[in-house]
């Protein structure tokens, strides 16, 4: 039944925002649901909270009305919402807040710490089992918060010093950063947070996790432990953290601002004028002898996957014909740039794990010898106009960047998504790793990864040919544990050389690929304790134990194709 009402008070939104009241003559359905604004405060929606609400406020739609209030991690102070800190128990004083994932992870509120009382501990058992400490915390959406950075203070306690490098891995909502812990001395590291580390809507729960990768002697009785004194979100200073979709000083017109250069054994690494696009400034990496090695590292901030589902890094470069640069994200190899002698633009697809993160981008010109420093070798790269673009040939939703090595077949397409380095010893570049365009050598398609070795001293544990990429370890599926599967052809005629898959920097997670004259599938089972964490995966080819370093031997080769990150019933799920 419908009736005509005069002078009816109504609740309407101006541009989905503030409430207006007025009078109308209208026909109203008395059986219709009650007006959600009647009798309650109703001033916002989550979809329009940027316009409806004040600074650092979000719209709470969970009650009978819709009201603006301070965003998660913020509190009302006077008339303003101010940052109140995140996550909970930043000083590790509440054992119930930080949940151990695996044996050997705990919180000791009585420990003296460094900045404040209380420490999180991952002992030898935890490090060997890849344990971690975790908590879930509701983070504000990025557009209602300030630019944040993550600070972590930690130390390696190792009386016997049975461990070498200990990598500390810290993640917020799947955005991981790595650093090295120092023996016996606390250090603090900070990492800018990208869009991935924030909440959605009016705020949402995200996972905080800190663990190690690399361990003491797991067969011994080391008392080694990682002590975490503090893990805290802080407000970044002005200009400290770049906005998403930014490469800091990617055109180098600011000189070397934002970039760190390393030059070894006579190499050149700097910014020079007149060598870039249109005679602009550009970065230059150059070698003068076989021992020369050059690096450069800057800061890059990727947009979220939702903002750009086809992300790629584009750069303009000129490189000596045949020379290579390993491109790095967060200090790990993730792609390869090859020179042709001509100036060209190259794109590198961004894998899913990097979207929405702020991290480092780097370039590594590898040496060709470790003691042939008197032998001249001139190689030069100039790099300019580094930026983030949209490339339909890239799918940022993909876990693996070029799993079948097929990008080699398109010279105008994105670069190979594998970081390739060769092996060297004395004055011989004995181990090689390259992606080749050959249907005859590939298992499927046109591309394959080819390894070669001509020297017994280019060993598989370090100085052989290497192919690297970074992955997120998948969560177990029922009784199927995480794994990397791949097809390999490792000929039975290889009498001295090993083909090995492993995780870095902990080579204890490794697999020596069986010999086979035809492609056969192999799998490297990944520790389930690493589920959800980012790790570096490497396939290497080299001699097993070293030998006559002066002899150049007939080349032994192996091929890899069709790599996948998955779960496998033959791998442990817990």
Protein backbone atom coordinates (compact mmCIF):
# COMPACT_ATOMS: atom_id res chain seq x y z
CA UNK A 1 0.00 0.00 0.00
CA UNK A 2 1.37 3.45 -0.85
CA UNK A 3 0.37 6.72 0.83
CA UNK A 4 1.16 10.34 0.02
CA UNK A 5 3.11 12.10 2.77
CA UNK A 6 3.84 15.80 2.99
CA UNK A 7 6.78 17.44 4.75
CA UNK A 8 8.60 14.09 5.20
CA UNK A 9 12.06 14.35 6.73
CA UNK A 10 14.52 12.34 4.58
CA UNK A 11 18.18 11.40 4.74
CA UNK A 12 20.17 11.76 1.53
CA UNK A 13 23.82 12.02 0.64
CA UNK A 14 25.49 14.81 -1.28
CA UNK A 15 27.96 13.07 -3.57
CA UNK A 16 27.68 10.01 -1.31
CA UNK A 17 28.97 12.15 1.54
CA UNK A 18 27.48 14.48 4.09
CA UNK A 19 23.86 14.20 5.23
CA UNK A 20 21.18 16.63 4.11
CA UNK A 21 17.60 16.89 5.43
CA UNK A 22 14.60 18.48 3.78
CA UNK A 23 10.91 18.07 2.96
CA UNK A 24 9.20 16.56 -0.05
CA UNK A 25 5.78 15.35 -1.08
CA UNK A 26 6.30 11.72 -1.96
CA UNK A 27 4.62 8.37 -2.32
CA UNK A 28 6.32 6.08 0.18
CA UNK A 29 6.06 2.30 0.42
CA UNK A 30 5.26 1.68 4.09
CA UNK A 31 6.46 -1.90 3.67
CA UNK A 32 9.93 -0.76 2.53
CA UNK A 33 12.98 -1.34 4.81
CA UNK A 34 13.50 1.44 7.34
CA UNK A 35 15.77 4.31 6.38
CA UNK A 36 19.29 3.33 7.62
CA UNK A 37 19.89 6.96 8.56
CA UNK A 38 16.79 7.37 10.70
CA UNK A 39 17.56 7.88 14.37
CA UNK A 40 21.31 7.27 14.06
CA UNK A 41 24.42 9.14 12.98
CA UNK A 42 25.04 8.43 9.31
CA UNK A 43 27.76 10.50 7.73
CA UNK A 44 30.00 8.34 5.53
CA UNK A 45 30.66 5.23 3.46
CA UNK A 46 33.89 3.27 3.10
CA UNK A 47 33.82 3.89 -0.65
CA UNK A 48 33.79 7.67 -0.13
CA UNK A 49 35.63 7.98 3.20
CA UNK A 50 38.41 10.06 1.62
CA UNK A 51 35.83 12.81 1.06
CA UNK A 52 33.49 12.07 3.97
CA UNK A 53 36.02 11.81 6.78
CA UNK A 54 38.88 13.85 8.19
CA UNK A 55 42.61 13.19 8.06
CA UNK A 56 43.58 9.69 9.24
CA UNK A 57 39.91 8.77 9.66
CA UNK A 58 37.95 5.88 8.17
CA UNK A 59 34.26 5.07 7.99
CA UNK A 60 32.96 2.53 10.49
CA UNK A 61 30.06 0.73 8.83
CA UNK A 62 29.78 -2.07 11.37
CA UNK A 63 27.26 -0.38 13.68
CA UNK A 64 23.65 0.62 13.06
CA UNK A 65 24.92 3.86 11.52
CA UNK A 66 28.02 4.91 9.63
CA UNK A 67 30.45 7.18 11.44
CA UNK A 68 33.95 8.52 10.89
CA UNK A 69 36.56 7.48 13.44
CA UNK A 70 40.32 7.23 13.75
CA UNK A 71 41.88 4.69 11.38
CA UNK A 72 43.39 1.48 12.80
CA UNK A 73 46.75 2.14 14.51
CA UNK A 74 45.64 5.77 15.12
CA UNK A 75 44.13 7.30 18.25
CA UNK A 76 42.25 10.50 19.02
CA UNK A 77 44.48 13.11 20.63
CA UNK A 78 42.66 16.37 21.17
CA UNK A 79 40.79 16.95 17.94
CA UNK A 80 43.22 15.01 15.73
CA UNK A 81 43.92 11.36 14.93
CA UNK A 82 47.60 10.58 15.55
CA UNK A 83 49.64 7.44 14.94
CA UNK A 84 49.56 5.13 17.96
CA UNK A 85 52.11 2.54 16.83
CA UNK A 86 52.03 -0.87 15.21
CA UNK A 87 52.03 -3.82 15.54
CA UNK A 88 51.21 -4.97 19.09
CA UNK A 89 54.04 -5.75 21.53
CA UNK A 90 56.77 -4.11 19.52
CA UNK A 91 59.24 -4.79 22.34
CA UNK A 92 58.58 -8.56 22.61
CA UNK A 93 57.31 -8.57 26.18
CA UNK A 94 54.04 -10.49 25.65
CA UNK A 95 54.53 -14.16 24.74
CA UNK A 96 50.84 -14.53 23.83
CA UNK A 97 51.06 -11.82 21.14
CA UNK A 98 53.84 -13.23 18.96
CA UNK A 99 52.90 -16.74 17.89
CA UNK A 100 55.71 -19.21 17.11
CA UNK A 101 55.56 -20.89 13.73
CA UNK A 102 57.63 -24.02 14.30
CA UNK A 103 59.80 -25.23 17.14
CA UNK A 104 62.54 -23.02 18.55
CA UNK A 105 60.79 -19.64 18.36
CA UNK A 106 59.74 -17.87 21.58
CA UNK A 107 59.44 -14.55 23.44
CA UNK A 108 61.42 -13.86 26.63
CA UNK A 109 59.96 -10.80 28.41
CA UNK A 110 62.67 -10.98 31.11
CA UNK A 111 65.61 -10.59 28.70
CA UNK A 112 67.32 -7.18 28.98
CA UNK A 113 67.24 -6.43 25.26
CA UNK A 114 69.02 -3.46 23.73
CA UNK A 115 66.49 -0.65 23.23
CA UNK A 116 64.00 -1.95 25.80
CA UNK A 117 63.30 -5.09 27.90
CA UNK A 118 62.11 -8.25 26.18
CA UNK A 119 63.38 -10.11 23.11
CA UNK A 120 62.04 -12.49 20.51
CA UNK A 121 64.28 -15.54 20.17
CA UNK A 122 64.83 -17.99 17.34
CA UNK A 123 67.32 -20.56 18.59
CA UNK A 124 69.42 -23.14 16.74
CA UNK A 125 66.47 -25.54 16.49
CA UNK A 126 64.31 -22.74 15.11
CA UNK A 127 66.91 -21.58 12.61
CA UNK A 128 67.51 -25.12 11.37
CA UNK A 129 63.74 -25.71 11.08
CA UNK A 130 63.01 -22.29 9.53
CA UNK A 131 60.81 -21.23 12.43
CA UNK A 132 59.43 -17.70 12.72
CA UNK A 133 57.49 -15.39 15.01
CA UNK A 134 54.17 -14.09 13.68
CA UNK A 135 51.23 -11.91 14.58
CA UNK A 136 48.21 -10.47 12.80
CA UNK A 137 47.47 -6.76 13.14
CA UNK A 138 44.81 -4.52 11.58
CA UNK A 139 46.54 -1.94 9.39
CA UNK A 140 44.95 1.25 8.06
CA UNK A 141 44.41 1.79 4.32
CA UNK A 142 47.29 3.63 2.74
CA UNK A 143 45.29 6.69 1.67
CA UNK A 144 44.12 7.26 5.28
CA UNK A 145 47.57 6.79 6.83
CA UNK A 146 51.01 8.33 6.61
CA UNK A 147 54.02 6.87 4.75
CA UNK A 148 55.34 4.09 6.98
CA UNK A 149 58.63 2.31 7.40
CA UNK A 150 59.43 -0.86 9.33
CA UNK A 151 62.28 -0.86 11.86
CA UNK A 152 63.77 -4.07 13.26
CA UNK A 153 66.58 -4.33 15.83
CA UNK A 154 68.36 -7.69 16.06
CA UNK A 155 71.60 -9.50 16.89
CA UNK A 156 73.09 -12.94 16.29
CA UNK A 157 74.13 -14.58 19.58
CA UNK A 158 76.59 -17.35 18.70
CA UNK A 159 79.23 -18.22 21.30
CA UNK A 160 80.76 -20.93 19.11
CA UNK A 161 80.46 -18.93 15.88
CA UNK A 162 79.52 -22.05 13.95
CA UNK A 163 77.48 -20.04 11.49
CA UNK A 164 78.54 -17.85 8.64
CA UNK A 165 76.07 -15.42 7.14
CA UNK A 166 72.69 -15.29 8.87
CA UNK A 167 69.93 -13.71 6.82
CA UNK A 168 67.00 -12.19 8.71
CA UNK A 169 63.76 -12.07 6.74
CA UNK A 170 60.94 -9.76 7.84
CA UNK A 171 57.59 -9.47 6.09
CA UNK A 172 54.40 -7.43 6.30
CA UNK A 173 51.46 -8.88 4.39
CA UNK A 174 53.78 -10.78 2.04
CA UNK A 175 56.13 -7.83 1.41
CA UNK A 176 59.51 -9.20 2.52
CA UNK A 177 62.84 -7.52 3.14
CA UNK A 178 66.13 -9.24 4.00
CA UNK A 179 69.09 -8.13 6.03
CA UNK A 180 72.12 -9.74 7.69
CA UNK A 181 72.44 -10.12 11.44
CA UNK A 182 75.75 -9.35 13.15
CA UNK A 183 77.34 -11.68 15.67
CA UNK A 184 77.15 -10.31 19.21
CA UNK A 185 76.11 -6.78 18.23
CA UNK A 186 72.63 -5.34 17.85
CA UNK A 187 71.86 -3.42 14.70
CA UNK A 188 68.74 -1.67 13.46
CA UNK A 189 67.47 -1.77 9.88
CA UNK A 190 64.59 0.15 8.36
CA UNK A 191 62.55 -0.67 5.27
CA UNK A 192 60.01 1.53 3.52
CA UNK A 193 56.56 -0.05 3.22
CA UNK A 194 54.68 -0.14 -0.07
CA UNK A 195 50.91 -0.42 -0.67
CA UNK A 196 50.92 -4.18 -0.03
CA UNK A 197 51.75 -3.65 3.66
CA UNK A 198 48.67 -1.52 4.34
CA UNK A 199 45.05 -2.54 4.93
CA UNK A 200 42.09 -2.29 2.59
CA UNK A 201 38.66 -0.70 3.02
CA UNK A 202 38.45 0.84 6.49
CA UNK A 203 41.44 -1.29 7.55
CA UNK A 204 42.12 -5.01 7.45
CA UNK A 205 44.32 -7.61 9.19
CA UNK A 206 47.80 -8.24 7.80
CA UNK A 207 50.46 -10.73 8.87
CA UNK A 208 53.76 -9.67 10.43
CA UNK A 209 56.48 -12.34 10.33
CA UNK A 210 60.18 -12.46 11.18
CA UNK A 211 62.45 -15.46 10.69
CA UNK A 212 65.90 -16.49 9.55
CA UNK A 213 67.38 -18.11 6.52
CA UNK A 214 70.78 -19.62 6.99
CA UNK A 215 71.61 -21.52 10.14
CA UNK A 216 74.37 -22.80 12.42
CA UNK A 217 75.70 -26.34 12.19
CA UNK A 218 72.42 -28.21 12.49
CA UNK A 219 74.18 -31.48 13.29
CA UNK A 220 76.06 -29.95 16.22
CA UNK A 221 75.09 -28.41 19.55
CA UNK A 222 75.52 -24.74 18.80
CA UNK A 223 73.92 -22.29 21.23
CA UNK A 224 73.39 -19.80 18.41
CA UNK A 225 70.21 -17.73 18.46
CA UNK A 226 68.73 -14.70 16.76
CA UNK A 227 67.62 -12.11 19.34
CA UNK A 228 65.01 -9.63 18.11
CA UNK A 229 64.81 -6.64 20.42
CA UNK A 230 62.19 -4.59 18.61
CA UNK A 231 60.00 -4.68 15.52
CA UNK A 232 57.99 -1.52 14.96
CA UNK A 233 56.18 0.49 12.30
CA UNK A 234 57.35 4.12 12.27
CA UNK A 235 56.21 7.20 10.37
CA UNK A 236 58.70 7.88 7.58
CA UNK A 237 60.35 11.27 7.35
CA UNK A 238 59.60 13.74 4.54
CA UNK A 239 60.87 12.30 1.26
CA UNK A 240 62.30 9.24 3.00
CA UNK A 241 60.04 6.72 1.25
CA UNK A 242 59.10 7.08 -2.43
CA UNK A 243 55.53 7.08 -3.67
CA UNK A 244 54.34 3.99 -5.58
CA UNK A 245 55.24 3.85 -9.27
CA UNK A 246 58.57 5.56 -8.65
CA UNK A 247 62.23 4.83 -9.37
CA UNK A 248 64.19 7.33 -7.31
CA UNK A 249 66.28 9.47 -9.69
CA UNK A 250 65.67 6.96 -12.47
CA UNK A 251 66.78 9.47 -15.11
CA UNK A 252 69.99 10.31 -13.19
CA UNK A 253 69.48 14.03 -13.68
CA UNK A 254 70.02 14.34 -9.94
CA UNK A 255 73.53 12.92 -10.33
CA UNK A 256 74.17 9.98 -8.02
CA UNK A 257 71.41 10.98 -5.57
CA UNK A 258 69.48 7.88 -4.52
CA UNK A 259 72.05 5.46 -5.96
CA UNK A 260 74.96 3.59 -4.38
CA UNK A 261 77.81 2.54 -6.66
CA UNK A 262 80.52 -0.06 -6.14
CA UNK A 263 83.66 -0.38 -8.27
CA UNK A 264 86.29 -3.06 -7.73
CA UNK A 265 89.65 -3.85 -9.34
CA UNK A 266 89.74 -0.76 -11.56
CA UNK A 267 86.09 -0.81 -12.61
CA UNK A 268 84.10 2.38 -13.21
CA UNK A 269 80.71 2.95 -11.60
CA UNK A 270 79.28 6.47 -11.60
CA UNK A 271 76.93 9.00 -13.21
CA UNK A 272 78.26 10.97 -16.15
CA UNK A 273 76.87 13.74 -18.31
CA UNK A 274 76.33 13.52 -22.06
CA UNK A 275 76.13 9.72 -22.31
CA UNK A 276 72.39 9.14 -21.78
CA UNK A 277 69.24 9.65 -23.81
CA UNK A 278 69.51 12.89 -25.82
CA UNK A 279 72.97 13.49 -24.34
CA UNK A 280 71.59 13.58 -20.81
CA UNK A 281 73.14 12.20 -17.66
CA UNK A 282 73.23 8.41 -17.26
CA UNK A 283 74.83 5.74 -15.12
CA UNK A 284 77.95 4.02 -16.39
CA UNK A 285 79.36 0.63 -15.39
CA UNK A 286 82.63 -0.37 -17.04
CA UNK A 287 85.44 -2.87 -16.63
CA UNK A 288 89.10 -2.49 -17.57
CA UNK A 289 90.44 -5.96 -16.76
CA UNK A 290 89.15 -9.47 -16.09
CA UNK A 291 88.95 -8.83 -12.32
CA UNK A 292 86.85 -5.67 -12.69
CA UNK A 293 83.41 -5.81 -11.07
CA UNK A 294 80.82 -3.01 -10.84
CA UNK A 295 77.48 -2.57 -9.08
CA UNK A 296 74.79 0.07 -8.66
CA UNK A 297 71.77 0.02 -6.33
CA UNK A 298 68.79 2.37 -6.07
CA UNK A 299 65.27 2.45 -4.65
CA UNK A 300 62.09 1.42 -6.46
CA UNK A 301 58.44 1.56 -5.33
CA UNK A 302 55.98 -0.66 -7.20
CA UNK A 303 52.25 0.05 -7.36
CA UNK A 304 49.77 -2.51 -6.12
CA UNK A 305 48.65 -5.34 -8.36
CA UNK A 306 45.20 -3.77 -8.56
CA UNK A 307 46.69 -0.47 -9.75
CA UNK A 308 48.76 -2.10 -12.50
CA UNK A 309 48.31 -5.77 -13.39
CA UNK A 310 50.99 -5.67 -16.12
CA UNK A 311 53.97 -4.11 -14.39
CA UNK A 312 57.40 -3.96 -15.99
CA UNK A 313 60.65 -2.15 -15.33
CA UNK A 314 61.82 -0.30 -18.43
CA UNK A 315 65.31 1.04 -19.02
CA UNK A 316 67.28 2.52 -21.89
CA UNK A 317 70.78 1.08 -22.19
CA UNK A 318 73.80 0.56 -24.36
CA UNK A 319 76.05 -2.41 -23.66
CA UNK A 320 79.13 -4.02 -25.15
CA UNK A 321 78.06 -6.77 -27.52
CA UNK A 322 77.66 -10.03 -25.59
CA UNK A 323 78.30 -8.48 -22.16
CA UNK A 324 75.69 -9.06 -19.44
CA UNK A 325 74.25 -7.38 -16.38
CA UNK A 326 72.39 -9.26 -13.69
CA UNK A 327 69.40 -7.19 -12.60
CA UNK A 328 68.50 -7.47 -8.91
CA UNK A 329 65.56 -6.79 -6.62
CA UNK A 330 66.22 -6.71 -2.88
CA UNK A 331 69.83 -7.75 -3.55
CA UNK A 332 68.96 -11.01 -5.36
CA UNK A 333 69.34 -11.73 -9.07
CA UNK A 334 66.02 -11.71 -10.95
CA UNK A 335 66.71 -10.95 -14.63
CA UNK A 336 69.52 -10.57 -17.18
CA UNK A 337 70.28 -7.64 -19.50
CA UNK A 338 72.50 -8.48 -22.50
CA UNK A 339 74.38 -5.90 -24.55
CA UNK A 340 74.30 -5.78 -28.34
CA UNK A 341 76.46 -2.73 -28.99
CA UNK A 342 73.40 -0.63 -29.86
CA UNK A 343 71.16 1.56 -27.73
CA UNK A 344 67.84 -0.08 -26.97
CA UNK A 345 64.97 -0.08 -24.53
CA UNK A 346 64.50 -3.21 -22.48
CA UNK A 347 61.65 -4.26 -20.22
CA UNK A 348 61.71 -6.74 -17.35
CA UNK A 349 58.41 -8.15 -16.11
CA UNK A 350 57.68 -7.68 -12.41
CA UNK A 351 56.69 -10.90 -10.57
CA UNK A 352 53.66 -10.93 -8.28
CA UNK A 353 55.70 -11.01 -5.06
CA UNK A 354 57.24 -7.61 -5.88
CA UNK A 355 53.98 -5.75 -6.65
CA UNK A 356 52.99 -3.25 -3.98
CA UNK A 357 56.46 -3.30 -2.37
CA UNK A 358 59.18 -0.72 -1.92
CA UNK A 359 62.60 -2.30 -2.31
CA UNK A 360 66.00 -1.91 -3.98
CA UNK A 361 66.77 -2.31 -7.66
CA UNK A 362 70.33 -3.08 -8.67
CA UNK A 363 72.62 -4.00 -11.56
CA UNK A 364 75.66 -6.25 -11.27
CA UNK A 365 78.47 -6.45 -13.83
CA UNK A 366 80.30 -9.66 -12.95
CA UNK A 367 84.04 -10.15 -13.12
CA UNK A 368 85.46 -12.83 -15.45
CA UNK A 369 88.38 -13.91 -13.27
CA UNK A 370 89.53 -13.84 -9.67
CA UNK A 371 93.23 -13.34 -10.29
CA UNK A 372 93.68 -12.47 -13.96
CA UNK A 373 93.80 -8.80 -13.10
CA UNK A 374 96.63 -8.10 -15.52
CA UNK A 375 94.56 -9.19 -18.50
CA UNK A 376 92.63 -6.33 -20.13
CA UNK A 377 88.89 -6.72 -20.62
CA UNK A 378 86.85 -3.71 -21.69
CA UNK A 379 83.08 -3.87 -21.19
CA UNK A 380 80.74 -0.89 -20.79
CA UNK A 381 77.07 -0.36 -19.97
CA UNK A 382 75.25 2.95 -19.83
CA UNK A 383 71.81 2.95 -18.22
CA UNK A 384 69.17 5.67 -18.33
CA UNK A 385 65.42 6.36 -18.04
CA UNK A 386 64.66 3.55 -15.55
CA UNK A 387 60.94 3.56 -14.77
CA UNK A 388 57.88 1.41 -14.09
CA UNK A 389 55.53 0.93 -17.05
CA UNK A 390 52.54 -1.12 -18.12
CA UNK A 391 53.40 -3.91 -20.59
CA UNK A 392 50.63 -6.23 -21.86
CA UNK A 393 53.28 -8.92 -22.40
CA UNK A 394 53.76 -9.09 -18.62
CA UNK A 395 51.32 -10.50 -16.09
CA UNK A 396 52.19 -9.29 -12.63
CA UNK A 397 49.87 -11.93 -11.19
CA UNK A 398 52.39 -14.63 -12.11
CA UNK A 399 54.58 -16.18 -9.45
CA UNK A 400 57.35 -17.13 -11.89
CA UNK A 401 59.00 -14.78 -14.33
CA UNK A 402 59.56 -16.71 -17.60
CA UNK A 403 59.22 -20.29 -16.26
CA UNK A 404 59.70 -21.86 -19.70
CA UNK A 405 62.52 -19.54 -20.89
CA UNK A 406 60.36 -18.50 -23.85
CA UNK A 407 61.08 -14.77 -23.79
CA UNK A 408 64.37 -15.46 -25.56
CA UNK A 409 62.39 -16.11 -28.76
CA UNK A 410 61.08 -12.51 -28.90
CA UNK A 411 63.97 -10.08 -29.26
CA UNK A 412 61.59 -7.12 -28.91
CA UNK A 413 59.80 -8.48 -25.85
CA UNK A 414 60.65 -8.50 -22.14
CA UNK A 415 64.03 -9.82 -21.00
CA UNK A 416 64.52 -13.27 -19.57
CA UNK A 417 63.25 -13.40 -16.00
CA UNK A 418 66.30 -15.28 -14.66
CA UNK A 419 69.42 -13.76 -13.17
CA UNK A 420 72.36 -15.45 -14.89
CA UNK A 421 75.99 -15.46 -13.75
CA UNK A 422 79.01 -17.37 -15.07
CA UNK A 423 81.63 -19.25 -13.07
CA UNK A 424 85.29 -18.29 -13.07
CA UNK A 425 88.55 -19.50 -11.60
CA UNK A 426 92.06 -18.14 -12.07
CA UNK A 427 91.94 -16.52 -15.52
CA UNK A 428 89.36 -18.94 -16.97
CA UNK A 429 85.62 -18.30 -17.20
CA UNK A 430 84.93 -22.00 -16.86
CA UNK A 431 81.21 -22.18 -16.03
CA UNK A 432 78.43 -20.65 -18.12
CA UNK A 433 74.68 -20.19 -17.76
CA UNK A 434 72.63 -18.82 -20.63
CA UNK A 435 69.09 -18.91 -22.01
CA UNK A 436 69.16 -20.17 -25.60
CA UNK A 437 66.68 -19.98 -28.46
CA UNK A 438 66.69 -23.56 -29.76
CA UNK A 439 63.69 -25.80 -30.31
CA UNK A 440 66.11 -28.74 -30.67
CA UNK A 441 67.42 -28.26 -27.13
CA UNK A 442 64.19 -27.17 -25.44
CA UNK A 443 61.72 -29.61 -23.95
CA UNK A 444 58.79 -27.47 -25.10
CA UNK A 445 58.65 -24.28 -27.11
CA UNK A 446 61.81 -22.51 -28.26
CA UNK A 447 63.70 -21.55 -25.10
CA UNK A 448 65.81 -23.52 -22.64
CA UNK A 449 68.40 -22.86 -19.95
CA UNK A 450 71.84 -24.15 -21.01
CA UNK A 451 74.76 -24.76 -18.64
CA UNK A 452 78.36 -25.47 -19.59
CA UNK A 453 81.57 -26.26 -17.72
CA UNK A 454 85.15 -26.53 -19.00
CA UNK A 455 87.16 -26.46 -15.77
CA UNK A 456 87.29 -28.68 -12.69
CA UNK A 457 87.72 -25.68 -10.39
CA UNK A 458 84.44 -24.02 -11.31
CA UNK A 459 82.59 -25.85 -8.56
CA UNK A 460 78.84 -26.13 -8.16
CA UNK A 461 78.79 -24.62 -4.65
CA UNK A 462 79.85 -21.16 -5.74
CA UNK A 463 81.94 -20.66 -8.86
CA UNK A 464 79.91 -22.61 -11.40
CA UNK A 465 77.30 -21.22 -13.76
CA UNK A 466 74.17 -20.08 -11.92
CA UNK A 467 70.56 -19.19 -12.78
CA UNK A 468 68.60 -17.42 -10.04
CA UNK A 469 65.06 -16.28 -9.38
CA UNK A 470 63.03 -15.31 -6.33
CA UNK A 471 59.85 -17.11 -5.31
CA UNK A 472 57.20 -17.20 -2.59
CA UNK A 473 57.08 -20.65 -0.99
CA UNK A 474 53.51 -21.96 -1.42
CA UNK A 475 51.48 -23.12 1.55
CA UNK A 476 50.97 -26.90 1.84
CA UNK A 477 47.79 -28.28 0.30
CA UNK A 478 46.50 -31.08 2.51
CA UNK A 479 49.32 -33.63 2.66
CA UNK A 480 51.16 -32.12 -0.32
CA UNK A 481 54.12 -29.95 0.63
CA UNK A 482 55.74 -27.03 -1.23
CA UNK A 483 58.11 -27.78 -4.08
CA UNK A 484 59.87 -26.47 -7.16
CA UNK A 485 59.54 -28.88 -10.08
CA UNK A 486 61.49 -28.66 -13.33
CA UNK A 487 62.58 -30.76 -16.28
CA UNK A 488 66.30 -31.35 -16.84
CA UNK A 489 68.51 -33.12 -19.34
CA UNK A 490 71.77 -33.92 -17.54
CA UNK A 491 73.59 -36.31 -19.91
CA UNK A 492 75.06 -39.54 -18.56
CA UNK A 493 78.34 -38.59 -20.25
CA UNK A 494 78.86 -35.81 -17.65
CA UNK A 495 81.59 -37.51 -15.65
CA UNK A 496 82.72 -34.67 -13.40
CA UNK A 497 79.97 -32.02 -13.32
CA UNK A 498 76.90 -31.73 -11.05
CA UNK A 499 73.57 -30.06 -11.80
CA UNK A 500 72.12 -28.81 -8.52
CA UNK A 501 68.94 -26.99 -7.41
CA UNK A 502 69.04 -25.19 -4.05
CA UNK A 503 67.79 -22.30 -1.96
CA UNK A 504 70.02 -19.37 -1.01
CA UNK A 505 71.85 -18.69 1.21
CA UNK A 506 71.17 -22.05 2.87
CA UNK A 507 72.50 -24.71 0.50
CA UNK A 508 71.33 -27.47 2.86
CA UNK A 509 68.02 -27.28 0.99
CA UNK A 510 69.32 -28.78 -2.25
CA UNK A 511 68.90 -31.51 -4.85
CA UNK A 512 71.50 -33.04 -7.16
CA UNK A 513 69.70 -33.78 -10.42
CA UNK A 514 70.05 -37.39 -11.65
CA UNK A 515 71.84 -38.08 -14.92
CA UNK A 516 69.59 -38.62 -17.92
CA UNK A 517 70.00 -38.36 -21.69
CA UNK A 518 66.37 -37.25 -22.06
CA UNK A 519 64.39 -34.63 -20.20
CA UNK A 520 63.18 -35.94 -16.84
CA UNK A 521 61.24 -34.09 -14.16
CA UNK A 522 62.92 -33.43 -10.81
CA UNK A 523 61.58 -31.71 -7.71
CA UNK A 524 63.20 -29.80 -4.89
CA UNK A 525 61.04 -30.12 -1.77
CA UNK A 526 60.88 -26.84 0.15
CA UNK A 527 60.68 -26.66 3.96
CA UNK A 528 57.03 -26.15 4.91
CA UNK A 529 58.20 -23.79 7.64
CA UNK A 530 59.06 -21.33 4.85
CA UNK A 531 55.48 -21.27 3.52
CA UNK A 532 54.44 -17.75 2.59
CA UNK A 533 58.00 -16.43 2.74
CA UNK A 534 60.12 -15.19 -0.15
CA UNK A 535 63.31 -17.14 -0.91
CA UNK A 536 65.97 -17.22 -3.61
CA UNK A 537 66.00 -20.32 -5.81
CA UNK A 538 69.13 -21.29 -7.77
CA UNK A 539 70.01 -23.89 -10.40
CA UNK A 540 73.78 -24.33 -10.69
CA UNK A 541 76.17 -26.42 -12.78
CA UNK A 542 79.77 -27.08 -11.81
CA UNK A 543 82.37 -29.54 -10.58
CA UNK A 544 81.64 -31.34 -7.33
CA UNK A 545 84.99 -31.07 -5.54
CA UNK A 546 87.49 -29.12 -7.64
CA UNK A 547 90.66 -30.37 -9.28
CA UNK A 548 93.17 -29.24 -11.89
CA UNK A 549 92.46 -25.53 -12.19
CA UNK A 550 94.87 -24.90 -15.05
CA UNK A 551 93.41 -27.45 -17.44
CA UNK A 552 90.68 -26.49 -19.92
CA UNK A 553 88.65 -29.66 -20.45
CA UNK A 554 86.07 -30.70 -23.03
CA UNK A 555 82.81 -28.92 -22.23
CA UNK A 556 80.09 -30.76 -20.31
CA UNK A 557 76.58 -29.36 -20.68
CA UNK A 558 73.10 -29.67 -19.17
CA UNK A 559 69.68 -28.20 -19.99
CA UNK A 560 66.67 -27.12 -17.89
CA UNK A 561 63.13 -26.23 -18.99
CA UNK A 562 59.55 -25.79 -17.71
CA UNK A 563 59.98 -24.75 -14.07
CA UNK A 564 57.00 -24.50 -11.71
CA UNK A 565 56.44 -23.59 -8.06
CA UNK A 566 53.73 -25.83 -6.67
CA UNK A 567 52.83 -28.42 -4.04
CA UNK A 568 53.70 -32.09 -4.40
CA UNK A 569 52.40 -35.18 -2.62
CA UNK A 570 55.98 -36.44 -2.39
CA UNK A 571 57.09 -33.44 -0.27
CA UNK A 572 56.46 -32.99 3.48
CA UNK A 573 53.54 -30.76 4.41
CA UNK A 574 54.57 -30.22 8.04
